[in-house]
Amino acid sequence: MDDDTKLLNLALDAGEIMLTSGAETYRVQDTMLRILSVSGRKQVEALALSTMLIVSLPREEKGPLSMARGVKDRSVNFEKICAVNNMSRSFVAGKITLEEATQKVLEIHYAPSFAPWQRILGMSRDSGIPTPGLCTGPCPATGLKQLPGPSPMRGICPWDVPTGPGVRIGMRAACRKFPIAVFVTAW
């Protein structure tokens, strides 16, 4: 397999992981374009639709090379989206080779997800459903105390930030009990 084909496959693999993990199509398309930009050619194309990915790379000697892939599965896994973004940044910056990037994408693809009971527990916790005893006392990762006072935020991770009426956004990448990367919930 030549380098052009490997590059297109890398872009499609990265895009597929992101799309199946819940990333927006514009973000998927941007990541695939950045990966293809490493070729140094102008007029590279990447298109991300809700169920299909298409990439194209112009070649003077053999004509353009295009590939498409259908995407059927859907889930929500922000950890995989972040991992693909980190891999693509390293690849575009020249910190890793094409082969290393391909290996990283395979590792990300086959990385285990949270068990169903962990997802249910995490979703109930993030939605504001009281889950007594999960995170009491100071955060084991940061040492910060819980938010004081009678508020809907009481007992929730101190990294939660209210962003508007009935909405909060938070980062829990540092939490050892519940390593959920990013969440946005309404309560």
Protein backbone atom coordinates (compact mmCIF):
# COMPACT_ATOMS: atom_id res chain seq x y z
CA MET A 1 0.00 0.00 0.00
CA ASP A 2 1.48 3.38 -0.98
CA ASP A 3 1.72 6.39 1.36
CA ASP A 4 -1.20 8.20 -0.29
CA THR A 5 -3.53 5.27 0.40
CA LYS A 6 -2.22 4.99 3.97
CA LEU A 7 -2.82 8.71 4.51
CA LEU A 8 -6.39 8.48 3.22
CA ASN A 9 -7.05 5.44 5.40
CA LEU A 10 -5.65 7.29 8.44
CA ALA A 11 -7.95 10.25 7.77
CA LEU A 12 -10.96 7.94 7.32
CA ASP A 13 -10.12 5.90 10.44
CA ALA A 14 -9.73 9.04 12.55
CA GLY A 15 -12.95 10.49 11.14
CA GLU A 16 -14.87 7.28 11.73
CA ILE A 17 -13.79 7.07 15.37
CA MET A 18 -14.76 10.68 15.95
CA LEU A 19 -18.12 10.40 14.18
CA THR A 20 -19.10 7.16 15.93
CA SER A 21 -18.03 8.69 19.26
CA GLY A 22 -20.37 11.66 18.90
CA ALA A 23 -18.21 14.41 17.38
CA GLU A 24 -19.83 17.06 15.22
CA THR A 25 -19.43 16.65 11.45
CA TYR A 26 -17.58 19.96 11.06
CA ARG A 27 -15.03 18.84 13.67
CA VAL A 28 -14.60 15.48 11.95
CA GLN A 29 -14.15 17.17 8.58
CA ASP A 30 -11.60 19.63 10.01
CA THR A 31 -9.55 16.81 11.56
CA MET A 32 -9.53 14.82 8.31
CA LEU A 33 -8.45 17.92 6.34
CA ARG A 34 -5.61 18.57 8.77
CA ILE A 35 -4.40 15.00 8.46
CA LEU A 36 -4.54 15.20 4.65
CA SER A 37 -2.69 18.53 4.68
CA VAL A 38 0.47 16.65 5.68
CA SER A 39 0.71 15.49 2.05
CA GLY A 40 1.64 19.06 1.10
CA ARG A 41 -0.75 19.00 -1.85
CA LYS A 42 -3.29 21.67 -2.57
CA GLN A 43 -6.96 20.90 -3.12
CA VAL A 44 -7.22 18.00 -0.69
CA GLU A 45 -10.86 17.31 0.07
CA ALA A 46 -12.66 15.85 3.06
CA LEU A 47 -16.40 15.62 3.56
CA ALA A 48 -18.13 14.38 6.69
CA LEU A 49 -21.84 13.64 6.56
CA SER A 50 -23.84 12.08 9.35
CA THR A 51 -23.52 8.60 7.80
CA MET A 52 -20.62 8.88 5.32
CA LEU A 53 -17.03 10.07 5.13
CA ILE A 54 -15.35 10.97 1.84
CA VAL A 55 -11.70 11.98 1.32
CA SER A 56 -9.79 12.82 -1.85
CA LEU A 57 -6.14 13.51 -2.61
CA PRO A 58 -4.98 14.91 -5.96
CA ARG A 59 -2.14 13.06 -7.68
CA GLU A 60 -0.61 14.22 -10.94
CA GLU A 61 0.94 10.94 -11.98
CA LYS A 62 -2.06 8.62 -11.46
CA GLY A 63 -5.03 10.95 -11.13
CA PRO A 64 -6.94 11.76 -7.94
CA LEU A 65 -7.33 9.13 -5.26
CA SER A 66 -10.67 9.13 -3.44
CA MET A 67 -12.13 6.89 -0.76
CA ALA A 68 -15.47 6.77 1.03
CA ARG A 69 -16.67 4.96 4.13
CA GLY A 70 -20.14 4.51 5.58
CA VAL A 71 -20.63 5.06 9.30
CA LYS A 72 -23.50 3.22 10.97
CA ASP A 73 -22.71 3.02 14.69
CA ARG A 74 -23.18 5.84 17.18
CA SER A 75 -22.19 6.29 20.79
CA VAL A 76 -20.86 9.03 23.03
CA ASN A 77 -17.22 8.72 24.01
CA PHE A 78 -15.48 12.05 24.49
CA GLU A 79 -12.32 10.27 25.57
CA LYS A 80 -11.88 8.79 22.09
CA ILE A 81 -12.59 12.15 20.44
CA CYS A 82 -9.91 13.79 22.58
CA ALA A 83 -7.45 10.96 21.85
CA VAL A 84 -7.96 11.31 18.08
CA ASN A 85 -7.52 15.08 18.34
CA ASN A 86 -4.26 14.63 20.25
CA MET A 87 -3.03 12.08 17.71
CA SER A 88 -3.88 14.34 14.77
CA ARG A 89 -2.13 17.32 16.36
CA SER A 90 1.00 15.24 16.93
CA PHE A 91 0.88 13.90 13.38
CA VAL A 92 0.40 17.29 11.74
CA ALA A 93 3.19 18.77 13.89
CA GLY A 94 5.54 16.01 12.69
CA LYS A 95 6.01 14.50 16.15
CA ILE A 96 4.86 11.06 14.99
CA THR A 97 5.14 9.26 11.66
CA LEU A 98 2.35 7.93 9.48
CA GLU A 99 2.91 4.40 10.79
CA GLU A 100 2.88 5.58 14.42
CA ALA A 101 -0.31 7.58 13.80
CA THR A 102 -1.94 4.54 12.21
CA GLN A 103 -0.98 2.43 15.23
CA LYS A 104 -2.35 5.07 17.62
CA VAL A 105 -5.67 5.13 15.74
CA LEU A 106 -5.91 1.34 16.08
CA GLU A 107 -5.22 1.60 19.81
CA ILE A 108 -7.90 4.28 20.17
CA HIS A 109 -10.39 2.25 18.15
CA TYR A 110 -9.93 -0.88 20.27
CA ALA A 111 -9.65 0.93 23.62
CA PRO A 112 -12.23 -0.35 26.09
CA SER A 113 -15.22 1.83 26.84
CA PHE A 114 -16.86 2.31 30.19
CA ALA A 115 -19.07 -0.57 31.32
CA PRO A 116 -22.83 0.06 31.04
CA TRP A 117 -23.22 0.41 34.82
CA GLN A 118 -20.46 3.04 34.87
CA ARG A 119 -22.15 5.02 32.08
CA ILE A 120 -25.54 4.90 33.84
CA LEU A 121 -23.97 6.01 37.10
CA GLY A 122 -22.04 8.78 35.39
CA MET A 123 -25.08 10.00 33.46
CA SER A 124 -27.24 10.04 36.57
CA ARG A 125 -24.56 11.96 38.42
CA ASP A 126 -24.09 14.46 35.58
CA SER A 127 -27.82 15.00 35.15
CA GLY A 128 -28.18 16.13 38.74
CA ILE A 129 -29.92 13.02 40.03
CA PRO A 130 -28.80 12.68 43.64
CA THR A 131 -26.18 9.97 43.99
CA PRO A 132 -25.25 10.05 47.68
CA GLY A 133 -21.83 8.86 48.68
CA LEU A 134 -20.19 9.06 45.28
CA CYS A 135 -18.04 12.14 45.76
CA THR A 136 -18.14 13.29 49.35
CA GLY A 137 -15.41 15.29 50.97
CA PRO A 138 -12.56 16.85 49.08
CA CYS A 139 -11.77 15.80 45.52
CA PRO A 140 -9.12 13.04 45.58
CA ALA A 141 -7.39 14.54 42.56
CA THR A 142 -7.34 18.23 43.46
CA GLY A 143 -8.08 18.42 47.18
CA LEU A 144 -10.79 21.04 46.52
CA LYS A 145 -13.86 20.96 48.74
CA GLN A 146 -17.44 20.59 47.58
CA LEU A 147 -19.48 23.66 46.78
CA PRO A 148 -21.11 24.91 50.01
CA GLY A 149 -24.70 25.90 50.62
CA PRO A 150 -28.11 24.71 49.54
CA SER A 151 -27.85 24.79 45.79
CA PRO A 152 -28.49 22.35 42.93
CA MET A 153 -24.70 22.07 42.72
CA ARG A 154 -24.27 20.73 46.27
CA GLY A 155 -22.35 17.49 46.29
CA ILE A 156 -21.33 17.85 42.66
CA CYS A 157 -17.71 17.96 41.59
CA PRO A 158 -16.16 21.42 42.30
CA TRP A 159 -15.02 21.57 38.69
CA ASP A 160 -18.65 22.13 37.64
CA VAL A 161 -19.21 25.65 36.37
CA PRO A 162 -22.68 27.22 35.99
CA THR A 163 -22.89 28.80 32.54
CA GLY A 164 -26.45 30.02 32.45
CA PRO A 165 -29.92 29.39 33.80
CA GLY A 166 -30.27 25.66 34.26
CA VAL A 167 -27.04 24.69 32.48
CA ARG A 168 -23.64 23.69 33.76
CA ILE A 169 -20.48 22.53 32.06
CA GLY A 170 -17.55 20.82 33.70
CA MET A 171 -14.31 18.97 33.25
CA ARG A 172 -13.63 15.83 35.21
CA ALA A 173 -10.53 14.56 33.49
CA ALA A 174 -8.68 14.66 36.81
CA CYS A 175 -11.32 12.81 38.84
CA ARG A 176 -10.11 9.36 39.81
CA LYS A 177 -13.51 8.04 40.85
CA PHE A 178 -15.33 8.97 37.66
CA PRO A 179 -12.92 9.75 34.79
CA ILE A 180 -15.51 11.38 32.55
CA ALA A 181 -13.81 13.85 30.24
CA VAL A 182 -16.38 16.56 29.48
CA PHE A 183 -20.06 16.92 30.13
CA VAL A 184 -22.83 19.43 29.53
CA THR A 185 -26.14 18.90 31.25
CA ALA A 186 -29.33 20.79 31.93
CA TRP A 187 -31.05 20.64 35.31
